[in-house]
Amino acid sequence: MLLHEFRPGRAVLGLTLLALSGGYAADWAGAWQAPWVFFVAVLGGGLFLAAVAAQVAYRLRRRRGGRSLSSEKGPDPASSNGSQAMR
C-alpha cells in the first residue's frame, strides 16, 4: 500500500545531489581531482532531467484522471469555524 504517490522528479534530483556530494567528498579527500566543470555539468543536467521527469509524471497523472489517494468521493465537508452564513 502506497502512503504517497511516487515523484520521479524528486528522485532524480536526490540522485543528482548524491552524485554531487560524492564528487565533492572524493575531491576533498584527494582521491580524485574533479574539474569544476564536472560539478556544473552534473548540476545542470540533473536539474534538467528532474524537470523532464516531473513533467512526464504530471502529464501521465493528468491523463489517468488524477485518482486521489482519498477514499472519500463526496465534496469537502463544511468548515466549522463560523465562516459560513448561518441559516
Protein backbone atom coordinates (compact mmCIF):
# COMPACT_ATOMS: atom_id res chain seq x y z
CA MET A 1 0.00 0.00 0.00
CA LEU A 2 1.42 3.34 -1.03
CA LEU A 3 1.19 6.11 1.53
CA HIS A 4 2.01 8.78 -1.03
CA GLU A 5 2.43 9.00 -4.75
CA PHE A 6 5.81 8.48 -6.38
CA ARG A 7 7.53 11.70 -7.52
CA PRO A 8 10.22 10.76 -10.08
CA GLY A 9 11.46 14.35 -10.41
CA ARG A 10 12.36 14.43 -6.74
CA ALA A 11 14.04 11.02 -7.01
CA VAL A 12 16.21 12.21 -9.92
CA LEU A 13 17.06 15.38 -8.03
CA GLY A 14 18.05 13.34 -4.98
CA LEU A 15 20.33 11.13 -7.07
CA THR A 16 21.87 14.26 -8.59
CA LEU A 17 22.61 15.69 -5.16
CA LEU A 18 24.10 12.36 -4.07
CA ALA A 19 26.39 12.40 -7.13
CA LEU A 20 27.44 15.97 -6.37
CA SER A 21 28.15 15.21 -2.74
CA GLY A 22 30.11 12.11 -3.70
CA GLY A 23 32.17 14.14 -6.16
CA TYR A 24 32.85 16.82 -3.58
CA ALA A 25 33.81 14.21 -0.98
CA ALA A 26 36.19 12.44 -3.38
CA ASP A 27 37.73 15.77 -4.37
CA TRP A 28 38.10 16.85 -0.74
CA ALA A 29 39.68 13.53 0.27
CA GLY A 30 42.17 13.80 -2.56
CA ALA A 31 41.03 10.56 -4.19
CA TRP A 32 40.00 12.38 -7.35
CA GLN A 33 40.88 15.72 -8.87
CA ALA A 34 37.49 16.86 -10.12
CA PRO A 35 37.38 19.80 -12.51
CA TRP A 36 34.82 22.45 -11.64
CA VAL A 37 33.10 21.82 -14.98
CA PHE A 38 32.06 18.38 -13.73
CA PHE A 39 30.02 19.86 -10.90
CA VAL A 40 28.36 22.44 -13.13
CA ALA A 41 27.50 19.78 -15.74
CA VAL A 42 26.12 17.33 -13.17
CA LEU A 43 24.02 20.02 -11.51
CA GLY A 44 22.66 21.41 -14.78
CA GLY A 45 22.00 18.00 -16.28
CA GLY A 46 20.40 16.72 -13.10
CA LEU A 47 18.09 19.69 -12.81
CA PHE A 48 17.09 19.32 -16.46
CA LEU A 49 16.41 15.58 -16.10
CA ALA A 50 14.44 16.16 -12.89
CA ALA A 51 12.29 18.75 -14.64
CA VAL A 52 11.65 16.41 -17.57
CA ALA A 53 10.77 13.52 -15.24
CA ALA A 54 8.42 15.70 -13.22
CA GLN A 55 6.70 16.99 -16.37
CA VAL A 56 6.25 13.48 -17.78
CA ALA A 57 4.86 12.21 -14.46
CA TYR A 58 2.49 15.19 -14.26
CA ARG A 59 1.17 14.55 -17.77
CA LEU A 60 0.71 10.84 -17.06
CA ARG A 61 -1.20 11.62 -13.84
CA ARG A 62 -3.46 14.04 -15.71
CA ARG A 63 -4.07 11.51 -18.48
CA ARG A 64 -5.03 8.80 -15.95
CA GLY A 65 -7.67 11.04 -14.45
CA GLY A 66 -5.84 12.15 -11.34
CA ARG A 67 -7.12 9.48 -9.00
CA SER A 68 -6.64 10.76 -5.48
CA LEU A 69 -5.50 8.65 -2.57
CA SER A 70 -8.52 9.71 -0.54
CA SER A 71 -11.35 7.23 -0.17
CA GLU A 72 -13.98 9.94 0.15
CA LYS A 73 -15.97 10.57 -3.00
CA GLY A 74 -18.18 13.41 -1.81
CA PRO A 75 -17.50 17.14 -1.60
CA ASP A 76 -15.33 18.58 1.14
CA PRO A 77 -17.11 18.93 4.48
CA ALA A 78 -18.25 22.38 5.52
CA SER A 79 -15.94 24.28 7.78
CA SER A 80 -16.95 24.56 11.43
CA ASN A 81 -15.06 27.76 12.18
CA GLY A 82 -18.05 30.03 11.56
CA SER A 83 -17.12 31.32 8.12
CA GLN A 84 -20.35 30.10 6.52
CA ALA A 85 -23.57 32.03 6.67
CA MET A 86 -25.92 30.84 9.40
CA ARG A 87 -29.40 29.68 8.45
